[in-house]
């Protein structure tokens, strides 16, 4: 009886461990640190300081900068993302003066396709 109970607990723990492990490895999009794409390079130079190295968001000056992989950012349209990058919205600065229109469009594509996994 005790052996059956212990065996059942071990099986349950293995099952739970396997399901947790699969959730940990689930992610949308690419690993930015491993990418040598132009979009990843621009992200690392301009966005990672606030949005985090892998775009999961982070705390900056006591405020949570949102993830670009999920939540509201993942629901935004191409035009909304372009506008956010180009014109900013406090506390995010505008990048229109720092990046060309082509670079902003590449960043929009990078966020939607590479980071969020949308087509």
N, C-alpha and C. Protein backbone atom coordinates (compact mmCIF):
# COMPACT_ATOMS: atom_id res chain seq x y z
N UNK A 1 0.82 -1.19 0.00
CA UNK A 1 0.00 0.00 0.00
C UNK A 1 0.87 1.26 0.00
N UNK A 2 1.89 1.29 0.86
CA UNK A 2 2.79 2.44 0.94
C UNK A 2 3.57 2.60 -0.36
N UNK A 3 3.99 1.48 -0.93
CA UNK A 3 4.76 1.53 -2.18
C UNK A 3 3.90 2.11 -3.30
N UNK A 4 2.61 1.71 -3.35
CA UNK A 4 1.71 2.25 -4.36
C UNK A 4 1.52 3.75 -4.21
N UNK A 5 1.39 4.22 -2.99
CA UNK A 5 1.21 5.64 -2.72
C UNK A 5 2.46 6.42 -3.13
N UNK A 6 3.62 5.92 -2.75
CA UNK A 6 4.88 6.58 -3.11
C UNK A 6 5.04 6.59 -4.63
N UNK A 7 4.75 5.45 -5.27
CA UNK A 7 4.85 5.37 -6.73
C UNK A 7 3.92 6.39 -7.38
N UNK A 8 2.69 6.50 -6.90
CA UNK A 8 1.72 7.46 -7.46
C UNK A 8 2.22 8.89 -7.27
N UNK A 9 2.81 9.18 -6.13
CA UNK A 9 3.35 10.53 -5.88
C UNK A 9 4.52 10.84 -6.81
N UNK A 10 5.39 9.87 -7.02
CA UNK A 10 6.53 10.06 -7.92
C UNK A 10 6.04 10.31 -9.35
N UNK A 11 5.07 9.52 -9.80
CA UNK A 11 4.52 9.71 -11.14
C UNK A 11 3.89 11.09 -11.27
N UNK A 12 3.16 11.51 -10.25
CA UNK A 12 2.53 12.82 -10.25
C UNK A 12 3.59 13.93 -10.32
N UNK A 13 4.65 13.80 -9.53
CA UNK A 13 5.71 14.81 -9.53
C UNK A 13 6.40 14.89 -10.89
N UNK A 14 6.64 13.73 -11.49
CA UNK A 14 7.27 13.72 -12.82
C UNK A 14 6.36 14.41 -13.83
N UNK A 15 5.06 14.09 -13.78
CA UNK A 15 4.10 14.70 -14.69
C UNK A 15 4.05 16.21 -14.49
N UNK A 16 3.96 16.66 -13.23
CA UNK A 16 3.91 18.10 -12.96
C UNK A 16 5.20 18.79 -13.38
N UNK A 17 6.33 18.15 -13.14
CA UNK A 17 7.62 18.73 -13.53
C UNK A 17 7.72 18.88 -15.03
N UNK A 18 7.25 17.87 -15.76
CA UNK A 18 7.30 17.93 -17.22
C UNK A 18 6.39 19.03 -17.75
N UNK A 19 5.20 19.17 -17.16
CA UNK A 19 4.30 20.22 -17.65
C UNK A 19 4.84 21.60 -17.32
N UNK A 20 5.48 21.76 -16.17
CA UNK A 20 6.08 23.06 -15.83
C UNK A 20 7.23 23.38 -16.76
N UNK A 21 8.04 22.38 -17.06
CA UNK A 21 9.19 22.60 -17.94
C UNK A 21 8.73 23.05 -19.31
N UNK A 22 7.64 22.47 -19.81
CA UNK A 22 7.18 22.88 -21.14
C UNK A 22 6.66 24.30 -21.12
N UNK A 23 6.08 24.75 -20.02
CA UNK A 23 5.60 26.12 -19.94
C UNK A 23 6.75 27.10 -19.88
N UNK A 24 7.83 26.73 -19.22
CA UNK A 24 8.98 27.61 -19.11
C UNK A 24 9.61 27.84 -20.47
N UNK A 25 9.64 26.81 -21.31
CA UNK A 25 10.29 26.95 -22.60
C UNK A 25 9.39 27.58 -23.66
N UNK A 26 8.09 27.69 -23.37
CA UNK A 26 7.20 28.35 -24.33
C UNK A 26 7.57 29.82 -24.41
N UNK A 27 7.68 30.33 -25.60
CA UNK A 27 7.96 31.75 -25.75
C UNK A 27 7.49 32.17 -27.13
N UNK A 28 7.13 33.42 -27.21
CA UNK A 28 6.77 33.92 -28.51
C UNK A 28 8.01 34.56 -29.11
N UNK A 29 8.21 34.35 -30.37
CA UNK A 29 9.29 35.02 -31.06
C UNK A 29 10.67 34.46 -30.80
N UNK A 30 11.65 35.23 -31.20
CA UNK A 30 13.05 34.81 -31.20
C UNK A 30 13.74 35.13 -29.88
N UNK A 31 14.94 34.58 -29.74
CA UNK A 31 15.84 34.99 -28.66
C UNK A 31 16.66 36.13 -29.24
N UNK A 32 16.41 37.33 -28.77
CA UNK A 32 17.04 38.52 -29.34
C UNK A 32 18.55 38.47 -29.19
N UNK A 33 19.02 38.00 -28.05
CA UNK A 33 20.47 37.94 -27.80
C UNK A 33 21.18 37.03 -28.80
N UNK A 34 20.48 36.04 -29.33
CA UNK A 34 21.08 35.10 -30.28
C UNK A 34 20.95 35.54 -31.73
N UNK A 35 20.20 36.59 -31.98
CA UNK A 35 19.93 37.01 -33.35
C UNK A 35 20.96 38.03 -33.83
N UNK A 36 21.41 37.85 -35.06
CA UNK A 36 22.33 38.82 -35.65
C UNK A 36 21.63 39.67 -36.71
N UNK A 37 20.29 39.68 -36.68
CA UNK A 37 19.54 40.47 -37.65
C UNK A 37 19.69 41.97 -37.36
N UNK A 38 19.41 42.76 -38.37
CA UNK A 38 19.48 44.21 -38.24
C UNK A 38 18.47 44.71 -37.21
N UNK A 39 17.25 44.11 -37.25
CA UNK A 39 16.21 44.48 -36.29
C UNK A 39 16.64 44.21 -34.86
N UNK A 40 17.25 43.06 -34.63
CA UNK A 40 17.72 42.72 -33.28
C UNK A 40 18.81 43.68 -32.83
N UNK A 41 19.69 44.05 -33.75
CA UNK A 41 20.74 45.01 -33.43
C UNK A 41 20.15 46.36 -33.05
N UNK A 42 19.18 46.83 -33.84
CA UNK A 42 18.53 48.11 -33.52
C UNK A 42 17.79 48.02 -32.18
N UNK A 43 17.14 46.87 -31.92
CA UNK A 43 16.44 46.70 -30.65
C UNK A 43 17.43 46.81 -29.50
N UNK A 44 18.54 46.10 -29.60
CA UNK A 44 19.54 46.12 -28.52
C UNK A 44 20.06 47.54 -28.29
N UNK A 45 20.23 48.31 -29.36
CA UNK A 45 20.77 49.67 -29.24
C UNK A 45 19.75 50.68 -28.73
N UNK A 46 18.49 50.52 -29.08
CA UNK A 46 17.50 51.56 -28.80
C UNK A 46 16.41 51.18 -27.81
N UNK A 47 16.10 49.92 -27.69
CA UNK A 47 14.90 49.51 -26.95
C UNK A 47 15.17 48.70 -25.68
N UNK A 48 16.23 47.89 -25.72
CA UNK A 48 16.50 46.96 -24.63
C UNK A 48 16.73 47.66 -23.29
N UNK A 49 17.25 48.87 -23.33
CA UNK A 49 17.52 49.59 -22.09
C UNK A 49 16.25 49.76 -21.25
N UNK A 50 15.10 49.89 -21.90
CA UNK A 50 13.83 50.05 -21.18
C UNK A 50 12.97 48.78 -21.21
N UNK A 51 12.90 48.12 -22.36
CA UNK A 51 12.01 46.96 -22.51
C UNK A 51 12.68 45.65 -22.09
N UNK A 52 13.96 45.68 -21.74
CA UNK A 52 14.67 44.48 -21.33
C UNK A 52 15.34 43.81 -22.51
N UNK A 53 16.40 43.03 -22.22
CA UNK A 53 17.19 42.39 -23.27
C UNK A 53 16.37 41.48 -24.17
N UNK A 54 15.32 40.86 -23.62
CA UNK A 54 14.50 39.96 -24.42
C UNK A 54 13.07 40.47 -24.61
N UNK A 55 12.86 41.76 -24.36
CA UNK A 55 11.57 42.44 -24.61
C UNK A 55 10.44 41.98 -23.70
N UNK A 56 10.79 41.47 -22.52
CA UNK A 56 9.75 41.06 -21.56
C UNK A 56 9.36 42.19 -20.62
N UNK A 57 9.92 43.37 -20.82
CA UNK A 57 9.63 44.50 -19.95
C UNK A 57 10.51 44.47 -18.72
N UNK A 58 10.56 45.59 -17.99
CA UNK A 58 11.33 45.66 -16.76
C UNK A 58 10.98 46.94 -16.03
N UNK A 59 11.47 47.05 -14.81
CA UNK A 59 11.25 48.25 -14.01
C UNK A 59 12.32 49.28 -14.36
N UNK A 60 11.90 50.51 -14.62
CA UNK A 60 12.81 51.62 -14.90
C UNK A 60 12.33 52.79 -14.07
N UNK A 61 13.17 53.28 -13.19
CA UNK A 61 12.83 54.40 -12.31
C UNK A 61 11.51 54.18 -11.58
N UNK A 62 11.31 52.96 -11.10
CA UNK A 62 10.12 52.65 -10.33
C UNK A 62 8.86 52.42 -11.14
N UNK A 63 8.97 52.43 -12.47
CA UNK A 63 7.80 52.21 -13.33
C UNK A 63 8.03 50.98 -14.19
N UNK A 64 6.97 50.20 -14.38
CA UNK A 64 7.07 49.00 -15.20
C UNK A 64 6.95 49.36 -16.67
N UNK A 65 8.00 49.09 -17.42
CA UNK A 65 7.97 49.26 -18.88
C UNK A 65 7.39 47.96 -19.43
N UNK A 66 6.36 48.02 -20.27
CA UNK A 66 5.66 46.80 -20.67
C UNK A 66 6.46 45.86 -21.56
N UNK A 67 6.05 44.61 -21.50
CA UNK A 67 6.58 43.59 -22.39
C UNK A 67 6.11 43.88 -23.81
N UNK A 68 6.96 43.60 -24.77
CA UNK A 68 6.55 43.72 -26.18
C UNK A 68 6.09 42.38 -26.72
N UNK A 69 6.24 41.33 -25.92
CA UNK A 69 5.91 39.98 -26.35
C UNK A 69 4.46 39.60 -26.06
N UNK A 70 3.84 40.25 -25.10
CA UNK A 70 2.48 39.87 -24.71
C UNK A 70 1.74 41.10 -24.20
N UNK A 71 0.50 40.91 -23.81
CA UNK A 71 -0.29 42.02 -23.29
C UNK A 71 -0.73 42.98 -24.38
N UNK A 72 -0.89 44.24 -24.01
CA UNK A 72 -1.39 45.25 -24.94
C UNK A 72 -0.51 45.40 -26.18
N UNK A 73 0.80 45.32 -26.01
CA UNK A 73 1.70 45.49 -27.15
C UNK A 73 1.46 44.43 -28.22
N UNK A 74 1.13 43.23 -27.82
CA UNK A 74 0.92 42.15 -28.78
C UNK A 74 -0.41 42.28 -29.51
N UNK A 75 -1.26 43.19 -29.07
CA UNK A 75 -2.56 43.40 -29.70
C UNK A 75 -2.57 44.61 -30.62
N UNK A 76 -1.51 45.38 -30.60
CA UNK A 76 -1.48 46.61 -31.38
C UNK A 76 -1.29 46.34 -32.87
N UNK A 77 -1.87 47.21 -33.66
CA UNK A 77 -1.75 47.09 -35.12
C UNK A 77 -0.39 47.61 -35.56
N UNK A 78 -0.09 47.35 -36.81
CA UNK A 78 1.15 47.84 -37.41
C UNK A 78 1.24 49.36 -37.31
N UNK A 79 0.13 50.04 -37.62
CA UNK A 79 0.10 51.51 -37.57
C UNK A 79 0.30 52.02 -36.14
N UNK A 80 -0.30 51.35 -35.17
CA UNK A 80 -0.15 51.77 -33.78
C UNK A 80 1.29 51.61 -33.29
N UNK A 81 1.92 50.50 -33.68
CA UNK A 81 3.32 50.28 -33.28
C UNK A 81 4.21 51.31 -33.95
N UNK A 82 3.98 51.56 -35.23
CA UNK A 82 4.76 52.57 -35.95
C UNK A 82 4.63 53.92 -35.24
N UNK A 83 3.42 54.33 -34.93
CA UNK A 83 3.18 55.61 -34.28
C UNK A 83 3.88 55.68 -32.92
N UNK A 84 3.83 54.59 -32.16
CA UNK A 84 4.47 54.55 -30.85
C UNK A 84 5.98 54.75 -30.97
N UNK A 85 6.59 54.06 -31.92
CA UNK A 85 8.04 54.18 -32.10
C UNK A 85 8.39 55.56 -32.64
N UNK A 86 7.70 56.00 -33.67
CA UNK A 86 8.02 57.27 -34.32
C UNK A 86 7.77 58.47 -33.42
N UNK A 87 6.60 58.52 -32.81
CA UNK A 87 6.18 59.71 -32.07
C UNK A 87 6.29 59.59 -30.56
N UNK A 88 6.48 58.36 -30.07
CA UNK A 88 6.58 58.15 -28.64
C UNK A 88 5.27 58.44 -27.94
N UNK A 89 5.25 58.19 -26.68
CA UNK A 89 4.12 58.50 -25.82
C UNK A 89 4.68 58.35 -24.41
N UNK A 90 4.63 59.41 -23.66
CA UNK A 90 5.28 59.41 -22.36
C UNK A 90 4.97 58.15 -21.57
N UNK A 91 5.96 57.56 -21.01
CA UNK A 91 7.34 58.03 -20.88
C UNK A 91 8.25 57.62 -22.04
N UNK A 92 7.73 56.91 -23.04
CA UNK A 92 8.57 56.48 -24.16
C UNK A 92 8.90 57.66 -25.06
N UNK A 93 10.19 57.83 -25.39
CA UNK A 93 10.57 58.94 -26.27
C UNK A 93 10.23 58.63 -27.73
N UNK A 94 10.16 59.68 -28.52
CA UNK A 94 9.98 59.54 -29.96
C UNK A 94 11.32 59.19 -30.59
N UNK A 95 11.30 58.29 -31.56
CA UNK A 95 12.53 57.91 -32.25
C UNK A 95 12.60 58.47 -33.66
N UNK A 96 11.60 59.30 -34.04
CA UNK A 96 11.55 59.88 -35.38
C UNK A 96 12.84 60.64 -35.71
N UNK A 97 13.41 61.34 -34.79
CA UNK A 97 14.64 62.09 -35.04
C UNK A 97 15.90 61.26 -34.98
N UNK A 98 15.82 60.05 -34.40
CA UNK A 98 17.00 59.20 -34.26
C UNK A 98 17.07 58.10 -35.31
N UNK A 99 15.89 57.63 -35.74
CA UNK A 99 15.83 56.56 -36.73
C UNK A 99 15.16 57.09 -37.99
N UNK A 100 15.58 56.56 -39.14
CA UNK A 100 14.93 56.94 -40.40
C UNK A 100 13.56 56.26 -40.47
N UNK A 101 12.75 56.71 -41.42
CA UNK A 101 11.44 56.09 -41.62
C UNK A 101 11.60 54.61 -41.94
N UNK A 102 12.58 54.28 -42.76
CA UNK A 102 12.85 52.88 -43.12
C UNK A 102 13.23 52.07 -41.89
N UNK A 103 14.06 52.64 -41.02
CA UNK A 103 14.47 51.93 -39.80
C UNK A 103 13.28 51.72 -38.86
N UNK A 104 12.41 52.71 -38.77
CA UNK A 104 11.22 52.56 -37.92
C UNK A 104 10.34 51.45 -38.47
N UNK A 105 10.17 51.40 -39.78
CA UNK A 105 9.37 50.34 -40.39
C UNK A 105 10.00 48.97 -40.15
N UNK A 106 11.32 48.90 -40.19
CA UNK A 106 12.02 47.63 -39.89
C UNK A 106 11.82 47.24 -38.43
N UNK A 107 11.80 48.23 -37.54
CA UNK A 107 11.55 47.94 -36.13
C UNK A 107 10.13 47.42 -35.92
N UNK A 108 9.18 48.01 -36.62
CA UNK A 108 7.79 47.54 -36.52
C UNK A 108 7.71 46.08 -36.95
N UNK A 109 8.33 45.76 -38.09
CA UNK A 109 8.36 44.38 -38.58
C UNK A 109 9.05 43.46 -37.58
N UNK A 110 10.16 43.93 -37.01
CA UNK A 110 10.90 43.13 -36.04
C UNK A 110 10.04 42.84 -34.81
N UNK A 111 9.36 43.86 -34.30
CA UNK A 111 8.50 43.67 -33.12
C UNK A 111 7.38 42.69 -33.45
N UNK A 112 6.69 42.92 -34.54
CA UNK A 112 5.52 42.08 -34.86
C UNK A 112 5.91 40.64 -35.26
N UNK A 113 6.87 40.51 -36.14
CA UNK A 113 7.19 39.19 -36.67
C UNK A 113 8.17 38.42 -35.81
N UNK A 114 9.27 39.06 -35.44
CA UNK A 114 10.32 38.34 -34.73
C UNK A 114 10.05 38.23 -33.23
N UNK A 115 9.69 39.34 -32.60
CA UNK A 115 9.47 39.30 -31.15
C UNK A 115 8.12 38.67 -30.82
N UNK A 116 7.07 39.05 -31.52
CA UNK A 116 5.73 38.57 -31.19
C UNK A 116 5.32 37.33 -31.98
N UNK A 117 6.03 37.03 -33.04
CA UNK A 117 5.69 35.85 -33.82
C UNK A 117 4.47 36.01 -34.70
N UNK A 118 4.10 37.27 -34.99
CA UNK A 118 2.94 37.52 -35.87
C UNK A 118 3.43 37.69 -37.30
N UNK A 119 2.57 37.41 -38.24
CA UNK A 119 2.90 37.59 -39.66
C UNK A 119 2.06 38.68 -40.25
